[in-house]
Amino acid sequence: MSVAAPVARGGDPLAAKETVLPYLVAYVTALFTGPGKYSVDRYIWK
């Protein structure tokens, strides 16, 4: 998504980029916060 916003949607107005940017924000948030206490991974790898 970090490539899709400036490259694929580069010439489009901001209104067209609004569909890509929320996915980028959600991915970066999940990347830095991790899966959390109630994740499925915690129960699988316990």
N, C-alpha and C. Protein backbone atom coordinates (compact mmCIF):
# COMPACT_ATOMS: atom_id res chain seq x y z
N MET A 1 0.81 -1.18 0.00
CA MET A 1 0.00 0.00 0.00
C MET A 1 0.86 1.25 0.00
N SER A 2 2.05 1.16 0.57
CA SER A 2 2.91 2.34 0.55
C SER A 2 3.39 2.65 -0.85
N VAL A 3 3.35 1.67 -1.75
CA VAL A 3 3.69 1.90 -3.15
C VAL A 3 2.44 2.29 -3.94
N ALA A 4 1.31 1.76 -3.57
CA ALA A 4 0.09 2.02 -4.33
C ALA A 4 -0.35 3.48 -4.25
N ALA A 5 -0.18 4.11 -3.11
CA ALA A 5 -0.62 5.50 -2.97
C ALA A 5 0.17 6.45 -3.86
N PRO A 6 1.51 6.46 -3.80
CA PRO A 6 2.21 7.44 -4.64
C PRO A 6 2.42 7.00 -6.09
N VAL A 7 2.56 5.71 -6.37
CA VAL A 7 2.90 5.26 -7.72
C VAL A 7 1.65 4.99 -8.54
N ALA A 8 0.83 4.06 -8.10
CA ALA A 8 -0.34 3.69 -8.89
C ALA A 8 -1.40 4.78 -8.89
N ARG A 9 -1.52 5.48 -7.79
CA ARG A 9 -2.52 6.54 -7.67
C ARG A 9 -1.87 7.93 -7.67
N GLY A 10 -0.67 8.05 -8.21
CA GLY A 10 0.10 9.28 -8.14
C GLY A 10 -0.57 10.49 -8.76
N GLY A 11 -1.16 10.34 -9.93
CA GLY A 11 -1.78 11.47 -10.61
C GLY A 11 -3.21 11.74 -10.19
N ASP A 12 -3.76 10.85 -9.41
CA ASP A 12 -5.16 11.01 -8.98
C ASP A 12 -5.27 12.05 -7.87
N PRO A 13 -6.43 12.66 -7.75
CA PRO A 13 -6.63 13.58 -6.63
C PRO A 13 -6.69 12.82 -5.30
N LEU A 14 -6.65 13.56 -4.21
CA LEU A 14 -6.63 12.94 -2.88
C LEU A 14 -7.87 12.09 -2.65
N ALA A 15 -9.00 12.45 -3.22
CA ALA A 15 -10.24 11.67 -3.04
C ALA A 15 -10.08 10.25 -3.55
N ALA A 16 -9.32 10.04 -4.60
CA ALA A 16 -9.09 8.69 -5.13
C ALA A 16 -8.08 7.93 -4.26
N LYS A 17 -7.16 8.65 -3.63
CA LYS A 17 -6.17 8.00 -2.76
C LYS A 17 -6.76 7.60 -1.43
N GLU A 18 -7.91 8.15 -1.09
CA GLU A 18 -8.52 7.84 0.20
C GLU A 18 -8.88 6.37 0.34
N THR A 19 -9.01 5.65 -0.75
CA THR A 19 -9.31 4.22 -0.66
C THR A 19 -8.08 3.41 -0.29
N VAL A 20 -6.89 3.92 -0.57
CA VAL A 20 -5.65 3.21 -0.29
C VAL A 20 -5.09 3.56 1.09
N LEU A 21 -5.18 4.81 1.48
CA LEU A 21 -4.53 5.26 2.70
C LEU A 21 -5.05 4.62 3.98
N PRO A 22 -6.35 4.34 4.16
CA PRO A 22 -6.78 3.65 5.38
C PRO A 22 -6.18 2.24 5.53
N TYR A 23 -5.99 1.55 4.41
CA TYR A 23 -5.35 0.23 4.48
C TYR A 23 -3.89 0.36 4.92
N LEU A 24 -3.22 1.38 4.45
CA LEU A 24 -1.84 1.61 4.83
C LEU A 24 -1.74 1.92 6.32
N VAL A 25 -2.62 2.76 6.82
CA VAL A 25 -2.62 3.11 8.24
C VAL A 25 -2.92 1.88 9.10
N ALA A 26 -3.88 1.06 8.69
CA ALA A 26 -4.22 -0.14 9.45
C ALA A 26 -3.04 -1.13 9.47
N TYR A 27 -2.36 -1.28 8.35
CA TYR A 27 -1.22 -2.19 8.29
C TYR A 27 -0.08 -1.72 9.18
N VAL A 28 0.24 -0.44 9.11
CA VAL A 28 1.35 0.09 9.92
C VAL A 28 1.01 -0.01 11.41
N THR A 29 -0.24 0.25 11.76
CA THR A 29 -0.66 0.13 13.16
C THR A 29 -0.51 -1.30 13.65
N ALA A 30 -0.97 -2.26 12.86
CA ALA A 30 -0.84 -3.67 13.24
C ALA A 30 0.62 -4.11 13.30
N LEU A 31 1.43 -3.56 12.42
CA LEU A 31 2.85 -3.90 12.39
C LEU A 31 3.55 -3.48 13.67
N PHE A 32 3.25 -2.29 14.16
CA PHE A 32 3.93 -1.78 15.34
C PHE A 32 3.32 -2.24 16.65
N THR A 33 2.03 -2.56 16.67
CA THR A 33 1.41 -2.95 17.93
C THR A 33 1.45 -4.45 18.17
N GLY A 34 1.59 -5.24 17.14
CA GLY A 34 1.64 -6.69 17.29
C GLY A 34 0.25 -7.29 17.42
N PRO A 35 0.18 -8.60 17.56
CA PRO A 35 -1.11 -9.27 17.57
C PRO A 35 -1.92 -9.04 18.84
N GLY A 36 -1.28 -8.83 19.96
CA GLY A 36 -2.01 -8.54 21.18
C GLY A 36 -2.25 -9.74 22.07
N LYS A 37 -2.90 -9.49 23.17
CA LYS A 37 -3.12 -10.50 24.20
C LYS A 37 -4.13 -11.56 23.78
N TYR A 38 -5.12 -11.18 23.00
CA TYR A 38 -6.20 -12.10 22.64
C TYR A 38 -6.09 -12.60 21.21
N SER A 39 -4.89 -12.79 20.71
CA SER A 39 -4.71 -13.25 19.34
C SER A 39 -4.79 -14.77 19.25
N VAL A 40 -5.06 -15.25 18.07
CA VAL A 40 -5.10 -16.69 17.82
C VAL A 40 -3.69 -17.26 17.90
N ASP A 41 -2.69 -16.50 17.46
CA ASP A 41 -1.31 -16.96 17.53
C ASP A 41 -0.88 -17.31 18.95
N ARG A 42 -1.36 -16.58 19.88
CA ARG A 42 -0.98 -16.83 21.28
C ARG A 42 -1.44 -18.20 21.72
N TYR A 43 -2.60 -18.61 21.29
CA TYR A 43 -3.14 -19.91 21.70
C TYR A 43 -2.54 -21.05 20.88
N ILE A 44 -2.17 -20.79 19.65
CA ILE A 44 -1.55 -21.83 18.83
C ILE A 44 -0.14 -22.15 19.29
N TRP A 45 0.65 -21.13 19.55
CA TRP A 45 2.06 -21.30 19.89
C TRP A 45 2.33 -21.31 21.38
N LYS A 46 1.33 -21.48 22.18
CA LYS A 46 1.47 -21.48 23.62
C LYS A 46 2.18 -22.70 24.14
